[in-house]
Amino acid sequence: MTNQINRRSFLRVIGVTAASIPVAGVLMKPNRVYALEVPTTEVDENSAKAKQFGYLADATKVDIVKFPKRAGDAGAKQFCGSCQLMVKGAQEVAGKTGKYGVCSLFTEGLVSETGWCNMWIQKVS
């Protein structure tokens, strides 16, 4: 009995090995879980970004002439707490009353759950 390998067996081994490399890479990929770093301060309403998006911590003070999206019965139900962009709510800011949350637009601070900005999108349940 000889230990020689024929061409057909060699190609089969090479094919199986080549096909298993991507599968092994996927299976051996480490699972990474990244913690969401929560800011501890409130978004400054006077910052350039807040002004650009029309953010106010008190939604009842929004100028409905400038932002007609907030006008009417539909607008009266628009708050940061009910926005799709709010990724984590029920946070607190030291020295402030009320609840705040992490908004995907404002990574530099927390927004008030009773606030509003012109980028408001209805939260999908």
N, C-alpha and C. Protein backbone atom coordinates (compact mmCIF):
# COMPACT_ATOMS: atom_id res chain seq x y z
N MET A 1 0.84 -1.16 0.00
CA MET A 1 0.00 0.00 0.00
C MET A 1 0.88 1.23 0.00
N THR A 2 0.59 2.12 -0.86
CA THR A 2 1.39 3.32 -0.96
C THR A 2 0.65 4.51 -0.35
N ASN A 3 1.41 5.48 0.06
CA ASN A 3 0.82 6.69 0.63
C ASN A 3 0.70 7.81 -0.39
N GLN A 4 0.61 7.46 -1.63
CA GLN A 4 0.49 8.48 -2.67
C GLN A 4 -0.97 8.91 -2.78
N ILE A 5 -1.14 10.18 -3.06
CA ILE A 5 -2.49 10.74 -3.21
C ILE A 5 -2.70 11.04 -4.69
N ASN A 6 -3.86 10.71 -5.19
CA ASN A 6 -4.11 10.98 -6.60
C ASN A 6 -4.67 12.40 -6.77
N ARG A 7 -4.76 12.82 -8.00
CA ARG A 7 -5.18 14.19 -8.31
C ARG A 7 -6.60 14.48 -7.81
N ARG A 8 -7.51 13.55 -7.97
CA ARG A 8 -8.90 13.73 -7.55
C ARG A 8 -8.98 13.94 -6.03
N SER A 9 -8.30 13.17 -5.25
CA SER A 9 -8.30 13.31 -3.79
C SER A 9 -7.67 14.63 -3.37
N PHE A 10 -6.60 14.99 -4.04
CA PHE A 10 -5.93 16.25 -3.73
C PHE A 10 -6.87 17.44 -3.95
N LEU A 11 -7.56 17.48 -5.08
CA LEU A 11 -8.49 18.57 -5.37
C LEU A 11 -9.66 18.60 -4.38
N ARG A 12 -10.12 17.43 -3.97
CA ARG A 12 -11.21 17.36 -2.99
C ARG A 12 -10.76 17.95 -1.66
N VAL A 13 -9.58 17.61 -1.20
CA VAL A 13 -9.04 18.14 0.06
C VAL A 13 -8.85 19.65 -0.02
N ILE A 14 -8.31 20.12 -1.12
CA ILE A 14 -8.10 21.56 -1.32
C ILE A 14 -9.45 22.29 -1.34
N GLY A 15 -10.45 21.73 -2.02
CA GLY A 15 -11.78 22.36 -2.10
C GLY A 15 -12.45 22.46 -0.74
N VAL A 16 -12.40 21.38 0.02
CA VAL A 16 -13.01 21.39 1.36
C VAL A 16 -12.28 22.37 2.27
N THR A 17 -10.97 22.39 2.20
CA THR A 17 -10.19 23.32 3.02
C THR A 17 -10.49 24.76 2.66
N ALA A 18 -10.54 25.06 1.38
CA ALA A 18 -10.82 26.43 0.94
C ALA A 18 -12.23 26.87 1.34
N ALA A 19 -13.18 25.97 1.28
CA ALA A 19 -14.56 26.30 1.65
C ALA A 19 -14.71 26.48 3.15
N SER A 20 -13.90 25.81 3.93
CA SER A 20 -14.05 25.89 5.39
C SER A 20 -13.39 27.12 6.00
N ILE A 21 -12.50 27.77 5.29
CA ILE A 21 -11.80 28.94 5.85
C ILE A 21 -12.77 30.08 6.17
N PRO A 22 -13.67 30.51 5.26
CA PRO A 22 -14.60 31.59 5.63
C PRO A 22 -15.56 31.19 6.76
N VAL A 23 -16.00 29.93 6.75
CA VAL A 23 -16.90 29.45 7.81
C VAL A 23 -16.19 29.50 9.16
N ALA A 24 -14.96 29.09 9.20
CA ALA A 24 -14.20 29.12 10.45
C ALA A 24 -14.01 30.55 10.93
N GLY A 25 -13.79 31.46 9.99
CA GLY A 25 -13.64 32.87 10.37
C GLY A 25 -14.89 33.43 11.02
N VAL A 26 -16.05 33.06 10.50
CA VAL A 26 -17.32 33.54 11.07
C VAL A 26 -17.55 32.91 12.44
N LEU A 27 -17.29 31.62 12.55
CA LEU A 27 -17.54 30.92 13.81
C LEU A 27 -16.59 31.35 14.92
N MET A 28 -15.39 31.75 14.57
CA MET A 28 -14.41 32.11 15.58
C MET A 28 -14.39 33.61 15.88
N LYS A 29 -15.27 34.37 15.22
CA LYS A 29 -15.32 35.81 15.46
C LYS A 29 -15.81 36.06 16.89
N PRO A 30 -15.08 36.84 17.66
CA PRO A 30 -15.50 37.07 19.05
C PRO A 30 -16.76 37.92 19.11
N ASN A 31 -17.60 37.59 20.05
CA ASN A 31 -18.80 38.39 20.28
C ASN A 31 -18.42 39.61 21.09
N ARG A 32 -18.71 40.78 20.55
CA ARG A 32 -18.36 42.01 21.24
C ARG A 32 -19.62 42.74 21.64
N VAL A 33 -19.68 43.11 22.88
CA VAL A 33 -20.79 43.89 23.39
C VAL A 33 -20.22 45.21 23.87
N TYR A 34 -20.70 46.29 23.29
CA TYR A 34 -20.20 47.60 23.66
C TYR A 34 -21.23 48.28 24.56
N ALA A 35 -20.77 48.78 25.67
CA ALA A 35 -21.65 49.49 26.58
C ALA A 35 -21.93 50.88 26.03
N LEU A 36 -23.16 51.32 26.19
CA LEU A 36 -23.56 52.65 25.76
C LEU A 36 -23.11 53.64 26.82
N GLU A 37 -22.21 54.52 26.44
CA GLU A 37 -21.74 55.52 27.38
C GLU A 37 -22.79 56.62 27.48
N VAL A 38 -23.34 56.78 28.67
CA VAL A 38 -24.40 57.74 28.89
C VAL A 38 -23.80 59.05 29.38
N PRO A 39 -24.06 60.16 28.66
CA PRO A 39 -23.59 61.45 29.14
C PRO A 39 -24.28 61.80 30.46
N THR A 40 -23.69 62.69 31.20
CA THR A 40 -24.27 63.07 32.50
C THR A 40 -24.77 64.50 32.53
N THR A 41 -24.63 65.21 31.42
CA THR A 41 -25.07 66.60 31.38
C THR A 41 -26.19 66.76 30.36
N GLU A 42 -26.91 67.86 30.48
CA GLU A 42 -28.01 68.16 29.57
C GLU A 42 -27.48 68.86 28.31
N VAL A 43 -28.15 68.64 27.19
CA VAL A 43 -27.81 69.34 25.96
C VAL A 43 -28.08 70.83 26.15
N ASP A 44 -27.14 71.66 25.74
CA ASP A 44 -27.29 73.11 25.82
C ASP A 44 -28.18 73.57 24.68
N GLU A 45 -29.33 74.18 25.01
CA GLU A 45 -30.26 74.66 24.00
C GLU A 45 -29.65 75.73 23.10
N ASN A 46 -28.61 76.40 23.58
CA ASN A 46 -27.97 77.46 22.81
C ASN A 46 -26.81 76.98 21.95
N SER A 47 -26.54 75.68 21.97
CA SER A 47 -25.46 75.16 21.13
C SER A 47 -25.88 75.22 19.66
N ALA A 48 -24.89 75.20 18.79
CA ALA A 48 -25.16 75.29 17.35
C ALA A 48 -26.03 74.13 16.87
N LYS A 49 -25.74 72.93 17.36
CA LYS A 49 -26.50 71.76 16.93
C LYS A 49 -27.95 71.84 17.42
N ALA A 50 -28.15 72.25 18.66
CA ALA A 50 -29.50 72.37 19.20
C ALA A 50 -30.31 73.41 18.42
N LYS A 51 -29.69 74.51 18.09
CA LYS A 51 -30.37 75.54 17.30
C LYS A 51 -30.66 75.05 15.89
N GLN A 52 -29.75 74.30 15.32
CA GLN A 52 -29.94 73.77 13.98
C GLN A 52 -31.16 72.84 13.92
N PHE A 53 -31.34 72.02 14.94
CA PHE A 53 -32.46 71.09 14.97
C PHE A 53 -33.70 71.66 15.66
N GLY A 54 -33.60 72.86 16.21
CA GLY A 54 -34.74 73.47 16.89
C GLY A 54 -35.06 72.83 18.23
N TYR A 55 -34.04 72.27 18.91
CA TYR A 55 -34.27 71.58 20.18
C TYR A 55 -34.58 72.55 21.30
N LEU A 56 -35.62 72.25 22.06
CA LEU A 56 -35.94 72.93 23.31
C LEU A 56 -36.28 71.87 24.35
N ALA A 57 -35.82 72.07 25.57
CA ALA A 57 -36.08 71.12 26.65
C ALA A 57 -37.55 71.12 27.06
N ASP A 58 -38.27 72.19 26.79
CA ASP A 58 -39.70 72.28 27.08
C ASP A 58 -40.44 72.42 25.74
N ALA A 59 -41.08 71.35 25.31
CA ALA A 59 -41.73 71.32 24.01
C ALA A 59 -42.86 72.33 23.88
N THR A 60 -43.43 72.76 24.99
CA THR A 60 -44.53 73.73 24.92
C THR A 60 -44.05 75.12 24.52
N LYS A 61 -42.74 75.35 24.55
CA LYS A 61 -42.18 76.66 24.21
C LYS A 61 -41.70 76.75 22.75
N VAL A 62 -41.97 75.71 21.95
CA VAL A 62 -41.54 75.70 20.56
C VAL A 62 -42.33 76.72 19.76
N ASP A 63 -41.64 77.49 18.93
CA ASP A 63 -42.28 78.47 18.06
C ASP A 63 -42.94 77.72 16.90
N ILE A 64 -44.28 77.60 16.93
CA ILE A 64 -44.98 76.81 15.91
C ILE A 64 -45.04 77.52 14.56
N VAL A 65 -44.74 78.81 14.53
CA VAL A 65 -44.65 79.50 13.24
C VAL A 65 -43.37 79.07 12.54
N LYS A 66 -42.30 79.00 13.30
CA LYS A 66 -41.01 78.58 12.74
C LYS A 66 -40.97 77.08 12.49
N PHE A 67 -41.63 76.31 13.35
CA PHE A 67 -41.66 74.85 13.25
C PHE A 67 -43.11 74.37 13.21
N PRO A 68 -43.78 74.45 12.06
CA PRO A 68 -45.19 74.06 11.97
C PRO A 68 -45.44 72.57 12.22
N LYS A 69 -44.41 71.78 12.18
CA LYS A 69 -44.54 70.35 12.48
C LYS A 69 -45.07 70.13 13.90
N ARG A 70 -44.77 71.07 14.78
CA ARG A 70 -45.16 70.95 16.20
C ARG A 70 -46.59 71.50 16.43
N ALA A 71 -47.19 72.13 15.45
CA ALA A 71 -48.51 72.74 15.61
C ALA A 71 -49.62 71.69 15.54
N GLY A 72 -50.76 72.03 16.08
CA GLY A 72 -51.95 71.18 15.99
C GLY A 72 -51.96 70.04 16.97
N ASP A 73 -53.02 69.21 16.83
CA ASP A 73 -53.19 68.08 17.74
C ASP A 73 -52.08 67.04 17.58
N ALA A 74 -51.65 66.81 16.35
CA ALA A 74 -50.57 65.84 16.12
C ALA A 74 -49.26 66.33 16.75
N GLY A 75 -48.98 67.61 16.62
CA GLY A 75 -47.76 68.18 17.19
C GLY A 75 -47.76 68.20 18.70
N ALA A 76 -48.95 68.32 19.29
CA ALA A 76 -49.06 68.35 20.74
C ALA A 76 -48.65 67.03 21.38
N LYS A 77 -48.58 65.97 20.60
CA LYS A 77 -48.21 64.66 21.12
C LYS A 77 -46.72 64.35 20.88
N GLN A 78 -46.01 65.31 20.30
CA GLN A 78 -44.60 65.09 19.96
C GLN A 78 -43.69 65.54 21.10
N PHE A 79 -42.98 64.58 21.67
CA PHE A 79 -42.01 64.83 22.73
C PHE A 79 -40.80 63.93 22.49
N CYS A 80 -39.66 64.31 23.01
CA CYS A 80 -38.46 63.49 22.87
C CYS A 80 -38.69 62.08 23.41
N GLY A 81 -39.47 61.97 24.47
CA GLY A 81 -39.74 60.66 25.07
C GLY A 81 -40.50 59.72 24.16
N SER A 82 -41.20 60.26 23.16
CA SER A 82 -41.97 59.42 22.23
C SER A 82 -41.34 59.40 20.83
N CYS A 83 -40.06 59.75 20.77
CA CYS A 83 -39.35 59.84 19.48
C CYS A 83 -38.52 58.58 19.22
N GLN A 84 -38.49 58.16 17.98
CA GLN A 84 -37.70 57.00 17.57
C GLN A 84 -36.21 57.20 17.80
N LEU A 85 -35.75 58.45 17.80
CA LEU A 85 -34.32 58.73 17.96
C LEU A 85 -33.84 58.63 19.41
N MET A 86 -34.78 58.55 20.37
CA MET A 86 -34.42 58.38 21.78
C MET A 86 -34.05 56.91 21.98
N VAL A 87 -32.77 56.67 22.26
CA VAL A 87 -32.29 55.29 22.36
C VAL A 87 -32.28 54.76 23.79
N LYS A 88 -32.28 55.65 24.76
CA LYS A 88 -32.29 55.20 26.16
C LYS A 88 -32.89 56.31 27.00
N GLY A 89 -34.00 56.04 27.63
CA GLY A 89 -34.67 57.05 28.44
C GLY A 89 -34.48 56.83 29.93
N ALA A 90 -35.23 57.58 30.70
CA ALA A 90 -35.26 57.49 32.16
C ALA A 90 -33.90 57.73 32.81
N GLN A 91 -33.15 58.69 32.28
CA GLN A 91 -31.87 59.08 32.87
C GLN A 91 -32.07 60.35 33.69
N GLU A 92 -31.15 60.62 34.58
CA GLU A 92 -31.24 61.81 35.40
C GLU A 92 -30.01 62.69 35.20
N VAL A 93 -30.22 63.98 35.31
CA VAL A 93 -29.14 64.95 35.25
C VAL A 93 -29.05 65.58 36.63
N ALA A 94 -27.86 65.60 37.19
CA ALA A 94 -27.67 66.15 38.53
C ALA A 94 -28.15 67.60 38.60
N GLY A 95 -28.94 67.91 39.61
CA GLY A 95 -29.41 69.27 39.82
C GLY A 95 -30.62 69.64 38.98
N LYS A 96 -31.17 68.71 38.21
CA LYS A 96 -32.33 68.99 37.36
C LYS A 96 -33.48 68.07 37.75
N THR A 97 -34.69 68.58 37.60
CA THR A 97 -35.86 67.73 37.81
C THR A 97 -36.32 67.21 36.46
N GLY A 98 -37.03 66.10 36.48
CA GLY A 98 -37.51 65.50 35.25
C GLY A 98 -36.61 64.39 34.76
N LYS A 99 -37.07 63.72 33.74
CA LYS A 99 -36.32 62.61 33.15
C LYS A 99 -35.69 63.05 31.84
N TYR A 100 -34.55 62.47 31.56
CA TYR A 100 -33.79 62.78 30.37
C TYR A 100 -33.46 61.47 29.65
N GLY A 101 -32.96 61.59 28.44
CA GLY A 101 -32.63 60.39 27.70
C GLY A 101 -31.51 60.63 26.72
N VAL A 102 -30.99 59.54 26.21
CA VAL A 102 -29.92 59.58 25.21
C VAL A 102 -30.57 59.64 23.83
N CYS A 103 -30.24 60.66 23.09
CA CYS A 103 -30.75 60.84 21.73
C CYS A 103 -29.63 60.54 20.74
N SER A 104 -29.96 59.86 19.66
CA SER A 104 -28.92 59.53 18.68
C SER A 104 -28.40 60.75 17.94
N LEU A 105 -29.11 61.87 18.00
CA LEU A 105 -28.64 63.10 17.37
C LEU A 105 -27.67 63.87 18.26
N PHE A 106 -27.94 63.87 19.56
CA PHE A 106 -27.17 64.67 20.51
C PHE A 106 -26.31 63.77 21.39
N THR A 107 -25.15 63.41 20.90
CA THR A 107 -24.27 62.52 21.65
C THR A 107 -23.52 63.26 22.76
N GLU A 108 -23.55 64.59 22.73
CA GLU A 108 -22.80 65.37 23.70
C GLU A 108 -23.53 65.56 25.02
N GLY A 109 -24.80 65.17 25.09
CA GLY A 109 -25.55 65.34 26.33
C GLY A 109 -26.90 64.65 26.25
N LEU A 110 -27.65 64.78 27.33
CA LEU A 110 -28.98 64.18 27.43
C LEU A 110 -30.05 65.19 27.03
N VAL A 111 -31.12 64.70 26.44
CA VAL A 111 -32.25 65.56 26.10
C VAL A 111 -33.40 65.28 27.06
N SER A 112 -34.21 66.29 27.30
CA SER A 112 -35.35 66.14 28.18
C SER A 112 -36.41 65.30 27.49
N GLU A 113 -37.02 64.39 28.24
CA GLU A 113 -38.08 63.56 27.67
C GLU A 113 -39.30 64.40 27.32
N THR A 114 -39.42 65.59 27.92
CA THR A 114 -40.53 66.50 27.57
C THR A 114 -40.09 67.55 26.57
N GLY A 115 -38.91 67.36 25.97
CA GLY A 115 -38.39 68.29 24.98
C GLY A 115 -38.87 67.94 23.58
N TRP A 116 -38.37 68.70 22.61
CA TRP A 116 -38.75 68.49 21.20
C TRP A 116 -37.68 69.06 20.29
N CYS A 117 -37.52 68.46 19.11
CA CYS A 117 -36.72 69.03 18.05
C CYS A 117 -37.38 68.71 16.72
N ASN A 118 -36.97 69.41 15.69
CA ASN A 118 -37.60 69.29 14.38
C ASN A 118 -37.34 67.95 13.70
N MET A 119 -36.46 67.14 14.26
CA MET A 119 -36.15 65.83 13.69
C MET A 119 -37.03 64.73 14.30
N TRP A 120 -38.04 65.10 15.08
CA TRP A 120 -38.89 64.15 15.77
C TRP A 120 -39.49 63.13 14.80
N ILE A 121 -39.44 61.85 15.18
CA ILE A 121 -40.02 60.76 14.40
C ILE A 121 -40.82 59.89 15.38
N GLN A 122 -42.04 59.54 14.99
CA GLN A 122 -42.90 58.70 15.85
C GLN A 122 -42.21 57.38 16.18
N LYS A 123 -42.16 57.05 17.46
CA LYS A 123 -41.54 55.80 17.92
C LYS A 123 -42.37 54.61 17.44
N VAL A 124 -41.70 53.62 16.90
CA VAL A 124 -42.36 52.40 16.46
C VAL A 124 -42.41 51.46 17.65
N SER A 125 -43.60 50.96 17.93
CA SER A 125 -43.77 50.08 19.10
C SER A 125 -43.23 48.71 18.88
